[in-house]
Amino acid sequence: MTLAYLILLLLVLCIFIFCYFTATWVWIKVKKNKNNEENIKNITKENRRDFIYLSTLTVGGIGVASMIWPFLKSMNPAEDTLALGTVEIDISNIEVGQSITTKWRGKPIFIRRRTPEEIKEAKEVEIANLKDPVLDIDRVQKEEWLVLEGICTHLGCVPLGQKMTDTKGDYNGWFCPCHGSHYDTSGRIRKGPAPDNLKVPPYTFITKTIIKIG
């Protein structure tokens, strides 16, 4: 559910609660005074006034809701925009030890099918030795597959390491030639000026061979 729908739902709920308690209050007043014949006329006038007041507020609340609805609806992303926010990648042809680069929201996305040796290296790292300490298991959904945003967290350069012939740095992962940041086989920063690990984008495995990013 989008933010706009939540806001509208909350507004309608508030109007309903207000009307309910106001109506209850009016009913209690009537019940308390219904046996008092001397005040029947006054009660009738008061009840009429309360009813008019309640009706005005209710209609006004509905009017406000109807006026702000178009604005709230405009806050929702269009369907074509939502479609552009996700991308599906077929990974069935990626061999063990191979990487591919794709695009998501204008960003390079690195997808690597890690070798058993790379997985072992990533798991055996002492977390105390990491600048941005995160376990490898917390950065992958399936240990064989690593999905990263290919943007160095120092100044936004694109690190080397996707091609077999690329320099992979001192930790066999990725190397940013701009200022010398080294990332390991889990995309974690190990050496150099970058402050954080390579980011992991939101993604899900739709099937065993299809990843949806976004």
N, C-alpha and C. Protein backbone atom coordinates (compact mmCIF):
# COMPACT_ATOMS: atom_id res chain seq x y z
N MET A 1 0.85 -1.19 0.00
CA MET A 1 0.00 0.00 0.00
C MET A 1 0.88 1.24 0.00
N THR A 2 0.53 2.21 -0.84
CA THR A 2 1.36 3.38 -0.99
C THR A 2 1.07 4.39 0.11
N LEU A 3 1.95 5.39 0.23
CA LEU A 3 1.80 6.43 1.24
C LEU A 3 0.51 7.20 1.06
N ALA A 4 0.14 7.50 -0.18
CA ALA A 4 -1.08 8.27 -0.44
C ALA A 4 -2.32 7.53 0.06
N TYR A 5 -2.38 6.24 -0.19
CA TYR A 5 -3.53 5.46 0.26
C TYR A 5 -3.56 5.38 1.79
N LEU A 6 -2.42 5.27 2.41
CA LEU A 6 -2.36 5.23 3.87
C LEU A 6 -2.86 6.54 4.47
N ILE A 7 -2.46 7.66 3.87
CA ILE A 7 -2.90 8.97 4.37
C ILE A 7 -4.41 9.11 4.23
N LEU A 8 -4.95 8.72 3.07
CA LEU A 8 -6.39 8.82 2.85
C LEU A 8 -7.14 7.92 3.82
N LEU A 9 -6.65 6.71 4.02
CA LEU A 9 -7.29 5.78 4.94
C LEU A 9 -7.30 6.34 6.35
N LEU A 10 -6.19 6.94 6.76
CA LEU A 10 -6.10 7.53 8.09
C LEU A 10 -7.08 8.69 8.23
N LEU A 11 -7.21 9.51 7.19
CA LEU A 11 -8.13 10.64 7.23
C LEU A 11 -9.57 10.17 7.36
N VAL A 12 -9.95 9.19 6.55
CA VAL A 12 -11.32 8.66 6.62
C VAL A 12 -11.59 8.04 7.98
N LEU A 13 -10.60 7.34 8.53
CA LEU A 13 -10.75 6.72 9.85
C LEU A 13 -10.95 7.78 10.92
N CYS A 14 -10.20 8.88 10.84
CA CYS A 14 -10.34 9.97 11.82
C CYS A 14 -11.73 10.59 11.73
N ILE A 15 -12.23 10.80 10.50
CA ILE A 15 -13.57 11.37 10.33
C ILE A 15 -14.62 10.44 10.92
N PHE A 16 -14.47 9.14 10.67
CA PHE A 16 -15.43 8.17 11.20
C PHE A 16 -15.42 8.16 12.73
N ILE A 17 -14.23 8.15 13.32
CA ILE A 17 -14.13 8.14 14.78
C ILE A 17 -14.74 9.40 15.37
N PHE A 18 -14.47 10.54 14.74
CA PHE A 18 -15.02 11.80 15.23
C PHE A 18 -16.55 11.77 15.18
N CYS A 19 -17.10 11.32 14.05
CA CYS A 19 -18.56 11.27 13.90
C CYS A 19 -19.17 10.31 14.91
N TYR A 20 -18.51 9.18 15.14
CA TYR A 20 -19.02 8.19 16.07
C TYR A 20 -19.10 8.74 17.49
N PHE A 21 -18.03 9.36 17.95
CA PHE A 21 -18.02 9.88 19.31
C PHE A 21 -18.94 11.08 19.47
N THR A 22 -19.05 11.89 18.42
CA THR A 22 -19.97 13.03 18.50
C THR A 22 -21.41 12.55 18.57
N ALA A 23 -21.76 11.56 17.75
CA ALA A 23 -23.11 11.00 17.78
C ALA A 23 -23.40 10.35 19.12
N THR A 24 -22.41 9.67 19.68
CA THR A 24 -22.58 9.05 21.00
C THR A 24 -22.82 10.11 22.06
N TRP A 25 -22.10 11.21 21.97
CA TRP A 25 -22.26 12.30 22.93
C TRP A 25 -23.67 12.89 22.85
N VAL A 26 -24.17 13.09 21.63
CA VAL A 26 -25.52 13.62 21.44
C VAL A 26 -26.55 12.66 22.01
N TRP A 27 -26.37 11.37 21.76
CA TRP A 27 -27.32 10.38 22.26
C TRP A 27 -27.34 10.34 23.78
N ILE A 28 -26.19 10.46 24.41
CA ILE A 28 -26.13 10.48 25.88
C ILE A 28 -26.89 11.68 26.43
N LYS A 29 -26.74 12.82 25.79
CA LYS A 29 -27.46 14.02 26.23
C LYS A 29 -28.97 13.82 26.14
N VAL A 30 -29.40 13.23 25.03
CA VAL A 30 -30.84 12.98 24.85
C VAL A 30 -31.36 12.01 25.90
N LYS A 31 -30.58 10.95 26.14
CA LYS A 31 -31.01 9.92 27.09
C LYS A 31 -31.11 10.47 28.50
N LYS A 32 -30.19 11.35 28.87
CA LYS A 32 -30.19 11.92 30.22
C LYS A 32 -31.39 12.83 30.45
N ASN A 33 -31.83 13.46 29.39
CA ASN A 33 -32.87 14.49 29.55
C ASN A 33 -34.22 14.12 28.95
N LYS A 34 -34.37 12.89 28.50
CA LYS A 34 -35.60 12.53 27.78
C LYS A 34 -36.83 12.55 28.69
N ASN A 35 -36.66 12.35 30.01
CA ASN A 35 -37.79 12.33 30.93
C ASN A 35 -38.09 13.69 31.53
N ASN A 36 -37.33 14.66 31.15
CA ASN A 36 -37.54 16.01 31.70
C ASN A 36 -38.41 16.80 30.73
N GLU A 37 -39.73 16.82 31.01
CA GLU A 37 -40.67 17.44 30.09
C GLU A 37 -40.46 18.94 29.97
N GLU A 38 -39.98 19.56 31.05
CA GLU A 38 -39.81 21.01 31.02
C GLU A 38 -38.74 21.44 30.04
N ASN A 39 -37.79 20.56 29.77
CA ASN A 39 -36.67 20.95 28.90
C ASN A 39 -36.75 20.33 27.50
N ILE A 40 -37.94 19.81 27.18
CA ILE A 40 -38.06 19.14 25.88
C ILE A 40 -37.75 20.10 24.75
N LYS A 41 -38.32 21.30 24.84
CA LYS A 41 -38.10 22.26 23.76
C LYS A 41 -36.62 22.64 23.65
N ASN A 42 -36.01 22.87 24.84
CA ASN A 42 -34.58 23.24 24.83
C ASN A 42 -33.72 22.10 24.29
N ILE A 43 -34.09 20.89 24.71
CA ILE A 43 -33.34 19.73 24.24
C ILE A 43 -33.45 19.59 22.73
N THR A 44 -34.69 19.80 22.25
CA THR A 44 -34.91 19.70 20.81
C THR A 44 -34.06 20.71 20.06
N LYS A 45 -34.01 21.93 20.59
CA LYS A 45 -33.19 22.96 19.94
C LYS A 45 -31.71 22.59 19.99
N GLU A 46 -31.28 22.11 21.17
CA GLU A 46 -29.87 21.74 21.31
C GLU A 46 -29.52 20.57 20.39
N ASN A 47 -30.42 19.59 20.33
CA ASN A 47 -30.16 18.44 19.47
C ASN A 47 -30.11 18.83 18.01
N ARG A 48 -31.03 19.75 17.63
CA ARG A 48 -31.03 20.21 16.24
C ARG A 48 -29.71 20.91 15.92
N ARG A 49 -29.27 21.74 16.87
CA ARG A 49 -28.01 22.45 16.67
C ARG A 49 -26.84 21.48 16.60
N ASP A 50 -26.85 20.48 17.49
CA ASP A 50 -25.78 19.48 17.47
C ASP A 50 -25.78 18.69 16.17
N PHE A 51 -26.99 18.36 15.70
CA PHE A 51 -27.10 17.61 14.45
C PHE A 51 -26.56 18.41 13.27
N ILE A 52 -26.94 19.71 13.24
CA ILE A 52 -26.46 20.57 12.15
C ILE A 52 -24.93 20.69 12.21
N TYR A 53 -24.42 20.85 13.44
CA TYR A 53 -22.97 20.97 13.63
C TYR A 53 -22.26 19.70 13.15
N LEU A 54 -22.80 18.55 13.57
CA LEU A 54 -22.21 17.27 13.19
C LEU A 54 -22.27 17.06 11.67
N SER A 55 -23.42 17.38 11.10
CA SER A 55 -23.59 17.20 9.65
C SER A 55 -22.62 18.09 8.88
N THR A 56 -22.47 19.33 9.35
CA THR A 56 -21.56 20.26 8.67
C THR A 56 -20.13 19.75 8.71
N LEU A 57 -19.72 19.27 9.88
CA LEU A 57 -18.36 18.75 10.01
C LEU A 57 -18.15 17.51 9.14
N THR A 58 -19.15 16.64 9.11
CA THR A 58 -19.03 15.42 8.31
C THR A 58 -18.90 15.74 6.83
N VAL A 59 -19.82 16.61 6.35
CA VAL A 59 -19.78 16.99 4.95
C VAL A 59 -18.48 17.70 4.62
N GLY A 60 -18.04 18.58 5.56
CA GLY A 60 -16.78 19.29 5.36
C GLY A 60 -15.60 18.35 5.29
N GLY A 61 -15.61 17.34 6.18
CA GLY A 61 -14.52 16.36 6.17
C GLY A 61 -14.47 15.57 4.87
N ILE A 62 -15.66 15.16 4.41
CA ILE A 62 -15.72 14.43 3.13
C ILE A 62 -15.26 15.33 1.99
N GLY A 63 -15.65 16.61 2.06
CA GLY A 63 -15.23 17.55 1.02
C GLY A 63 -13.73 17.73 0.98
N VAL A 64 -13.13 17.85 2.17
CA VAL A 64 -11.68 17.99 2.25
C VAL A 64 -10.99 16.75 1.69
N ALA A 65 -11.53 15.57 2.07
CA ALA A 65 -10.94 14.33 1.57
C ALA A 65 -11.01 14.24 0.05
N SER A 66 -12.16 14.66 -0.51
CA SER A 66 -12.31 14.59 -1.96
C SER A 66 -11.40 15.58 -2.67
N MET A 67 -11.10 16.71 -2.00
CA MET A 67 -10.23 17.71 -2.62
C MET A 67 -8.77 17.28 -2.60
N ILE A 68 -8.36 16.64 -1.50
CA ILE A 68 -6.94 16.29 -1.40
C ILE A 68 -6.64 14.96 -2.08
N TRP A 69 -7.68 14.17 -2.42
CA TRP A 69 -7.43 12.89 -3.06
C TRP A 69 -6.65 13.00 -4.36
N PRO A 70 -7.03 13.93 -5.27
CA PRO A 70 -6.23 14.05 -6.50
C PRO A 70 -4.76 14.35 -6.22
N PHE A 71 -4.52 15.17 -5.18
CA PHE A 71 -3.13 15.50 -4.83
C PHE A 71 -2.41 14.27 -4.31
N LEU A 72 -3.08 13.51 -3.43
CA LEU A 72 -2.46 12.30 -2.90
C LEU A 72 -2.22 11.27 -3.99
N LYS A 73 -3.18 11.18 -4.92
CA LYS A 73 -3.03 10.23 -6.02
C LYS A 73 -1.84 10.58 -6.90
N SER A 74 -1.61 11.90 -7.05
CA SER A 74 -0.49 12.31 -7.89
C SER A 74 0.86 11.95 -7.28
N MET A 75 0.87 11.70 -5.96
CA MET A 75 2.11 11.31 -5.29
C MET A 75 2.50 9.88 -5.62
N ASN A 76 1.55 9.07 -6.07
CA ASN A 76 1.86 7.68 -6.41
C ASN A 76 2.62 7.62 -7.73
N PRO A 77 3.66 6.83 -7.80
CA PRO A 77 4.37 6.68 -9.07
C PRO A 77 3.49 6.00 -10.10
N ALA A 78 3.60 6.45 -11.33
CA ALA A 78 2.82 5.85 -12.41
C ALA A 78 3.30 4.43 -12.66
N GLU A 79 2.45 3.64 -13.33
CA GLU A 79 2.79 2.24 -13.58
C GLU A 79 4.05 2.10 -14.43
N ASP A 80 4.20 3.01 -15.42
CA ASP A 80 5.39 2.92 -16.26
C ASP A 80 6.64 3.28 -15.47
N THR A 81 6.48 4.19 -14.49
CA THR A 81 7.61 4.55 -13.63
C THR A 81 8.00 3.37 -12.75
N LEU A 82 6.99 2.68 -12.20
CA LEU A 82 7.27 1.52 -11.38
C LEU A 82 7.96 0.43 -12.19
N ALA A 83 7.55 0.30 -13.44
CA ALA A 83 8.17 -0.71 -14.30
C ALA A 83 9.64 -0.41 -14.53
N LEU A 84 9.96 0.89 -14.69
CA LEU A 84 11.35 1.28 -14.89
C LEU A 84 12.18 1.08 -13.63
N GLY A 85 11.51 0.99 -12.49
CA GLY A 85 12.22 0.84 -11.22
C GLY A 85 12.69 -0.56 -10.94
N THR A 86 12.32 -1.52 -11.80
CA THR A 86 12.77 -2.89 -11.62
C THR A 86 13.34 -3.42 -12.94
N VAL A 87 14.21 -4.38 -12.81
CA VAL A 87 14.79 -5.01 -14.00
C VAL A 87 14.98 -6.49 -13.69
N GLU A 88 14.66 -7.34 -14.65
CA GLU A 88 14.82 -8.78 -14.48
C GLU A 88 16.02 -9.26 -15.31
N ILE A 89 16.87 -10.03 -14.66
CA ILE A 89 18.12 -10.49 -15.28
C ILE A 89 18.14 -12.01 -15.34
N ASP A 90 18.41 -12.53 -16.52
CA ASP A 90 18.59 -13.97 -16.70
C ASP A 90 20.05 -14.33 -16.40
N ILE A 91 20.25 -15.15 -15.39
CA ILE A 91 21.61 -15.49 -14.97
C ILE A 91 21.99 -16.92 -15.36
N SER A 92 21.16 -17.54 -16.18
CA SER A 92 21.37 -18.96 -16.50
C SER A 92 22.66 -19.21 -17.28
N ASN A 93 23.14 -18.22 -18.00
CA ASN A 93 24.33 -18.41 -18.84
C ASN A 93 25.63 -17.95 -18.17
N ILE A 94 25.55 -17.53 -16.93
CA ILE A 94 26.76 -17.08 -16.23
C ILE A 94 27.49 -18.29 -15.65
N GLU A 95 28.72 -18.46 -16.05
CA GLU A 95 29.52 -19.59 -15.58
C GLU A 95 30.11 -19.29 -14.20
N VAL A 96 30.50 -20.34 -13.50
CA VAL A 96 31.17 -20.17 -12.20
C VAL A 96 32.45 -19.37 -12.40
N GLY A 97 32.63 -18.33 -11.59
CA GLY A 97 33.79 -17.47 -11.69
C GLY A 97 33.61 -16.31 -12.65
N GLN A 98 32.46 -16.24 -13.29
CA GLN A 98 32.19 -15.19 -14.27
C GLN A 98 31.31 -14.10 -13.66
N SER A 99 31.46 -12.86 -14.18
CA SER A 99 30.66 -11.72 -13.74
C SER A 99 30.01 -11.05 -14.94
N ILE A 100 28.87 -10.43 -14.71
CA ILE A 100 28.25 -9.59 -15.74
C ILE A 100 27.90 -8.24 -15.13
N THR A 101 27.75 -7.25 -15.98
CA THR A 101 27.35 -5.91 -15.54
C THR A 101 26.05 -5.54 -16.25
N THR A 102 25.08 -5.09 -15.47
CA THR A 102 23.82 -4.62 -16.04
C THR A 102 23.52 -3.24 -15.48
N LYS A 103 22.37 -2.69 -15.83
CA LYS A 103 22.01 -1.35 -15.37
C LYS A 103 20.70 -1.41 -14.58
N TRP A 104 20.63 -0.61 -13.54
CA TRP A 104 19.40 -0.45 -12.76
C TRP A 104 19.34 0.98 -12.24
N ARG A 105 18.32 1.71 -12.68
CA ARG A 105 18.16 3.12 -12.31
C ARG A 105 19.42 3.93 -12.62
N GLY A 106 20.03 3.61 -13.74
CA GLY A 106 21.22 4.34 -14.17
C GLY A 106 22.50 3.92 -13.49
N LYS A 107 22.42 2.94 -12.59
CA LYS A 107 23.61 2.49 -11.87
C LYS A 107 24.11 1.17 -12.45
N PRO A 108 25.43 0.99 -12.48
CA PRO A 108 25.96 -0.32 -12.88
C PRO A 108 25.73 -1.33 -11.77
N ILE A 109 25.25 -2.50 -12.15
CA ILE A 109 25.03 -3.57 -11.19
C ILE A 109 25.94 -4.74 -11.54
N PHE A 110 26.73 -5.15 -10.55
CA PHE A 110 27.63 -6.28 -10.72
C PHE A 110 26.94 -7.56 -10.23
N ILE A 111 26.93 -8.58 -11.07
CA ILE A 111 26.42 -9.89 -10.67
C ILE A 111 27.54 -10.90 -10.90
N ARG A 112 27.98 -11.53 -9.83
CA ARG A 112 29.07 -12.50 -9.94
C ARG A 112 28.63 -13.86 -9.42
N ARG A 113 28.95 -14.87 -10.20
CA ARG A 113 28.76 -16.25 -9.75
C ARG A 113 30.07 -16.71 -9.14
N ARG A 114 30.10 -16.74 -7.84
CA ARG A 114 31.37 -16.95 -7.15
C ARG A 114 31.82 -18.41 -7.18
N THR A 115 33.12 -18.56 -7.18
CA THR A 115 33.72 -19.89 -7.11
C THR A 115 33.70 -20.36 -5.65
N PRO A 116 33.85 -21.66 -5.41
CA PRO A 116 33.94 -22.14 -4.03
C PRO A 116 35.07 -21.47 -3.25
N GLU A 117 36.18 -21.19 -3.95
CA GLU A 117 37.31 -20.53 -3.29
C GLU A 117 36.94 -19.10 -2.86
N GLU A 118 36.22 -18.39 -3.72
CA GLU A 118 35.81 -17.02 -3.40
C GLU A 118 34.83 -17.00 -2.23
N ILE A 119 33.94 -17.97 -2.21
CA ILE A 119 32.98 -18.07 -1.10
C ILE A 119 33.71 -18.35 0.20
N LYS A 120 34.68 -19.26 0.13
CA LYS A 120 35.45 -19.61 1.32
C LYS A 120 36.24 -18.40 1.83
N GLU A 121 36.86 -17.67 0.92
CA GLU A 121 37.60 -16.46 1.31
C GLU A 121 36.70 -15.47 2.03
N ALA A 122 35.51 -15.26 1.47
CA ALA A 122 34.59 -14.28 2.05
C ALA A 122 34.12 -14.70 3.44
N LYS A 123 33.91 -16.00 3.64
CA LYS A 123 33.41 -16.49 4.92
C LYS A 123 34.48 -16.49 6.01
N GLU A 124 35.73 -16.67 5.61
CA GLU A 124 36.80 -16.83 6.61
C GLU A 124 37.36 -15.51 7.13
N VAL A 125 36.92 -14.40 6.57
CA VAL A 125 37.42 -13.09 7.01
C VAL A 125 36.96 -12.81 8.44
N GLU A 126 37.89 -12.38 9.28
CA GLU A 126 37.55 -11.98 10.64
C GLU A 126 36.81 -10.64 10.58
N ILE A 127 35.62 -10.60 11.13
CA ILE A 127 34.80 -9.39 11.04
C ILE A 127 35.47 -8.21 11.75
N ALA A 128 36.31 -8.51 12.73
CA ALA A 128 37.01 -7.44 13.45
C ALA A 128 38.01 -6.73 12.55
N ASN A 129 38.40 -7.36 11.45
CA ASN A 129 39.38 -6.76 10.54
C ASN A 129 38.73 -5.91 9.45
N LEU A 130 37.42 -5.79 9.48
CA LEU A 130 36.70 -5.07 8.44
C LEU A 130 36.42 -3.62 8.84
N LYS A 131 36.60 -2.72 7.89
CA LYS A 131 36.30 -1.30 8.13
C LYS A 131 34.80 -1.08 8.27
N ASP A 132 34.05 -1.78 7.43
CA ASP A 132 32.58 -1.74 7.48
C ASP A 132 32.12 -3.17 7.76
N PRO A 133 32.09 -3.57 9.05
CA PRO A 133 31.93 -4.98 9.41
C PRO A 133 30.54 -5.56 9.11
N VAL A 134 30.50 -6.46 8.14
CA VAL A 134 29.27 -7.19 7.79
C VAL A 134 29.67 -8.60 7.39
N LEU A 135 28.97 -9.59 7.90
CA LEU A 135 29.24 -10.97 7.51
C LEU A 135 28.83 -11.21 6.06
N ASP A 136 29.54 -12.12 5.41
CA ASP A 136 29.21 -12.44 4.02
C ASP A 136 27.79 -12.96 3.89
N ILE A 137 27.35 -13.75 4.86
CA ILE A 137 26.02 -14.34 4.80
C ILE A 137 24.92 -13.29 4.81
N ASP A 138 25.23 -12.12 5.35
CA ASP A 138 24.25 -11.03 5.40
C ASP A 138 24.25 -10.18 4.13
N ARG A 139 25.12 -10.51 3.19
CA ARG A 139 25.21 -9.74 1.94
C ARG A 139 24.75 -10.53 0.72
N VAL A 140 24.39 -11.77 0.93
CA VAL A 140 23.95 -12.62 -0.19
C VAL A 140 22.66 -13.35 0.19
N GLN A 141 21.89 -13.69 -0.83
CA GLN A 141 20.71 -14.54 -0.61
C GLN A 141 21.04 -15.99 -0.92
N LYS A 142 21.90 -16.19 -1.90
CA LYS A 142 22.46 -17.50 -2.20
C LYS A 142 23.96 -17.31 -2.29
N GLU A 143 24.70 -18.11 -1.54
CA GLU A 143 26.13 -17.85 -1.39
C GLU A 143 26.90 -17.86 -2.70
N GLU A 144 26.38 -18.55 -3.69
CA GLU A 144 27.06 -18.61 -4.99
C GLU A 144 26.93 -17.29 -5.75
N TRP A 145 25.86 -16.54 -5.48
CA TRP A 145 25.57 -15.33 -6.25
C TRP A 145 25.76 -14.08 -5.41
N LEU A 146 26.55 -13.15 -5.96
CA LEU A 146 26.79 -11.87 -5.30
C LEU A 146 26.27 -10.76 -6.22
N VAL A 147 25.39 -9.92 -5.68
CA VAL A 147 24.79 -8.82 -6.46
C VAL A 147 25.14 -7.51 -5.77
N LEU A 148 25.78 -6.61 -6.52
CA LEU A 148 26.29 -5.36 -5.94
C LEU A 148 26.02 -4.18 -6.85
N GLU A 149 25.96 -2.99 -6.25
CA GLU A 149 26.00 -1.76 -7.03
C GLU A 149 27.47 -1.48 -7.33
N GLY A 150 27.80 -1.37 -8.61
CA GLY A 150 29.19 -1.21 -9.01
C GLY A 150 29.67 0.23 -8.93
N ILE A 151 29.55 0.82 -7.75
CA ILE A 151 29.96 2.20 -7.54
C ILE A 151 30.82 2.27 -6.29
N CYS A 152 32.05 2.72 -6.44
CA CYS A 152 32.95 2.86 -5.30
C CYS A 152 32.35 3.84 -4.30
N THR A 153 32.38 3.48 -3.04
CA THR A 153 31.76 4.31 -2.01
C THR A 153 32.63 5.49 -1.58
N HIS A 154 33.75 5.67 -2.27
CA HIS A 154 34.60 6.82 -1.97
C HIS A 154 34.10 8.04 -2.74
N LEU A 155 34.29 8.04 -4.06
CA LEU A 155 33.87 9.18 -4.88
C LEU A 155 33.02 8.77 -6.08
N GLY A 156 32.51 7.54 -6.06
CA GLY A 156 31.55 7.14 -7.09
C GLY A 156 32.13 6.60 -8.38
N CYS A 157 33.40 6.22 -8.39
CA CYS A 157 33.98 5.61 -9.59
C CYS A 157 33.47 4.17 -9.74
N VAL A 158 33.67 3.60 -10.92
CA VAL A 158 33.28 2.21 -11.16
C VAL A 158 34.52 1.33 -11.00
N PRO A 159 34.54 0.44 -10.02
CA PRO A 159 35.72 -0.39 -9.78
C PRO A 159 35.97 -1.40 -10.89
N LEU A 160 37.22 -1.82 -11.01
CA LEU A 160 37.60 -2.90 -11.91
C LEU A 160 37.39 -4.24 -11.20
N GLY A 161 37.24 -5.29 -12.01
CA GLY A 161 37.10 -6.62 -11.43
C GLY A 161 36.05 -7.47 -12.10
N GLN A 162 35.30 -6.88 -13.01
CA GLN A 162 34.26 -7.64 -13.69
C GLN A 162 34.81 -8.54 -14.80
N LYS A 163 35.83 -8.08 -15.47
CA LYS A 163 36.43 -8.87 -16.55
C LYS A 163 37.51 -9.79 -16.00
N MET A 164 37.71 -10.89 -16.67
CA MET A 164 38.72 -11.84 -16.24
C MET A 164 40.11 -11.21 -16.25
N THR A 165 40.32 -10.25 -17.15
CA THR A 165 41.63 -9.62 -17.28
C THR A 165 41.80 -8.40 -16.37
N ASP A 166 40.75 -8.02 -15.65
CA ASP A 166 40.83 -6.83 -14.78
C ASP A 166 41.69 -7.09 -13.56
N THR A 167 42.28 -6.01 -13.06
CA THR A 167 42.94 -6.06 -11.76
C THR A 167 41.87 -6.16 -10.68
N LYS A 168 41.99 -7.14 -9.81
CA LYS A 168 40.96 -7.37 -8.80
C LYS A 168 41.38 -6.89 -7.41
N GLY A 169 42.53 -6.26 -7.33
CA GLY A 169 42.98 -5.75 -6.04
C GLY A 169 43.63 -6.80 -5.18
N ASP A 170 43.98 -6.40 -3.97
CA ASP A 170 44.72 -7.28 -3.06
C ASP A 170 43.85 -8.37 -2.44
N TYR A 171 42.52 -8.27 -2.62
CA TYR A 171 41.63 -9.22 -1.95
C TYR A 171 40.75 -9.99 -2.94
N ASN A 172 41.20 -10.00 -4.20
CA ASN A 172 40.59 -10.84 -5.23
C ASN A 172 39.13 -10.50 -5.53
N GLY A 173 38.75 -9.25 -5.24
CA GLY A 173 37.38 -8.84 -5.51
C GLY A 173 37.30 -7.77 -6.57
N TRP A 174 37.34 -6.51 -6.11
CA TRP A 174 37.30 -5.36 -7.03
C TRP A 174 38.32 -4.32 -6.59
N PHE A 175 38.78 -3.56 -7.55
CA PHE A 175 39.78 -2.54 -7.27
C PHE A 175 39.36 -1.25 -7.96
N CYS A 176 39.33 -0.16 -7.20
CA CYS A 176 39.01 1.15 -7.77
C CYS A 176 40.31 1.87 -8.10
N PRO A 177 40.61 2.09 -9.37
CA PRO A 177 41.88 2.70 -9.75
C PRO A 177 41.94 4.20 -9.48
N CYS A 178 40.81 4.81 -9.19
CA CYS A 178 40.79 6.26 -8.96
C CYS A 178 41.64 6.65 -7.75
N HIS A 179 41.40 5.97 -6.62
CA HIS A 179 42.14 6.32 -5.41
C HIS A 179 42.59 5.09 -4.63
N GLY A 180 42.50 3.91 -5.26
CA GLY A 180 43.11 2.72 -4.66
C GLY A 180 42.31 2.02 -3.58
N SER A 181 41.00 1.91 -3.75
CA SER A 181 40.20 1.16 -2.79
C SER A 181 40.11 -0.30 -3.23
N HIS A 182 40.31 -1.21 -2.28
CA HIS A 182 40.30 -2.65 -2.56
C HIS A 182 39.09 -3.29 -1.88
N TYR A 183 38.35 -4.09 -2.62
CA TYR A 183 37.17 -4.79 -2.09
C TYR A 183 37.39 -6.30 -2.21
N ASP A 184 36.84 -7.05 -1.26
CA ASP A 184 37.04 -8.50 -1.28
C ASP A 184 35.95 -9.21 -2.08
N THR A 185 35.91 -10.54 -1.98
CA THR A 185 34.99 -11.34 -2.79
C THR A 185 33.55 -11.28 -2.28
N SER A 186 33.32 -10.44 -1.27
CA SER A 186 31.96 -10.16 -0.82
C SER A 186 31.61 -8.70 -1.09
N GLY A 187 32.54 -7.99 -1.75
CA GLY A 187 32.32 -6.57 -2.04
C GLY A 187 32.53 -5.67 -0.83
N ARG A 188 33.25 -6.16 0.17
CA ARG A 188 33.50 -5.37 1.38
C ARG A 188 34.82 -4.61 1.24
N ILE A 189 34.83 -3.39 1.73
CA ILE A 189 36.03 -2.57 1.66
C ILE A 189 37.08 -3.15 2.61
N ARG A 190 38.30 -3.34 2.07
CA ARG A 190 39.37 -3.92 2.87
C ARG A 190 40.58 -3.00 2.97
N LYS A 191 40.72 -2.11 1.99
CA LYS A 191 41.91 -1.27 1.96
C LYS A 191 41.63 -0.05 1.08
N GLY A 192 42.16 1.11 1.50
CA GLY A 192 41.97 2.31 0.69
C GLY A 192 40.99 3.28 1.34
N PRO A 193 40.70 4.39 0.67
CA PRO A 193 39.93 5.48 1.28
C PRO A 193 38.42 5.28 1.32
N ALA A 194 37.88 4.33 0.59
CA ALA A 194 36.42 4.14 0.60
C ALA A 194 35.94 3.82 2.01
N PRO A 195 34.89 4.49 2.49
CA PRO A 195 34.44 4.28 3.86
C PRO A 195 33.53 3.07 4.06
N ASP A 196 32.83 2.67 3.00
CA ASP A 196 31.81 1.63 3.15
C ASP A 196 31.98 0.52 2.11
N ASN A 197 31.31 -0.58 2.37
CA ASN A 197 31.27 -1.69 1.42
C ASN A 197 30.49 -1.28 0.16
N LEU A 198 30.70 -2.00 -0.93
CA LEU A 198 29.85 -1.81 -2.10
C LEU A 198 28.42 -2.16 -1.70
N LYS A 199 27.48 -1.33 -2.09
CA LYS A 199 26.09 -1.52 -1.67
C LYS A 199 25.46 -2.73 -2.36
N VAL A 200 24.57 -3.37 -1.63
CA VAL A 200 23.77 -4.46 -2.19
C VAL A 200 22.39 -3.90 -2.53
N PRO A 201 21.99 -3.93 -3.80
CA PRO A 201 20.68 -3.39 -4.17
C PRO A 201 19.57 -4.33 -3.72
N PRO A 202 18.34 -3.83 -3.63
CA PRO A 202 17.23 -4.74 -3.32
C PRO A 202 16.98 -5.68 -4.49
N TYR A 203 16.94 -6.96 -4.21
CA TYR A 203 16.71 -7.92 -5.30
C TYR A 203 16.08 -9.19 -4.75
N THR A 204 15.44 -9.93 -5.63
CA THR A 204 14.84 -11.21 -5.27
C THR A 204 15.07 -12.21 -6.40
N PHE A 205 15.11 -13.47 -6.05
CA PHE A 205 15.16 -14.54 -7.04
C PHE A 205 13.73 -14.91 -7.40
N ILE A 206 13.32 -14.55 -8.62
CA ILE A 206 11.99 -14.93 -9.08
C ILE A 206 11.95 -16.42 -9.37
N THR A 207 12.99 -16.90 -10.03
CA THR A 207 13.19 -18.34 -10.25
C THR A 207 14.66 -18.63 -9.94
N LYS A 208 15.08 -19.84 -10.19
CA LYS A 208 16.48 -20.19 -9.95
C LYS A 208 17.42 -19.44 -10.89
N THR A 209 16.89 -18.99 -12.02
CA THR A 209 17.76 -18.36 -13.02
C THR A 209 17.35 -16.93 -13.38
N ILE A 210 16.38 -16.37 -12.67
CA ILE A 210 15.94 -15.00 -12.93
C ILE A 210 16.01 -14.19 -11.64
N ILE A 211 16.74 -13.07 -11.70
CA ILE A 211 16.82 -12.16 -10.57
C ILE A 211 16.08 -10.87 -10.93
N LYS A 212 15.22 -10.42 -10.01
CA LYS A 212 14.57 -9.12 -10.19
C LYS A 212 15.22 -8.12 -9.26
N ILE A 213 15.75 -7.06 -9.83
CA ILE A 213 16.41 -6.01 -9.05
C ILE A 213 15.45 -4.84 -8.92
N GLY A 214 15.30 -4.34 -7.71
CA GLY A 214 14.38 -3.24 -7.46
C GLY A 214 13.07 -3.69 -6.85
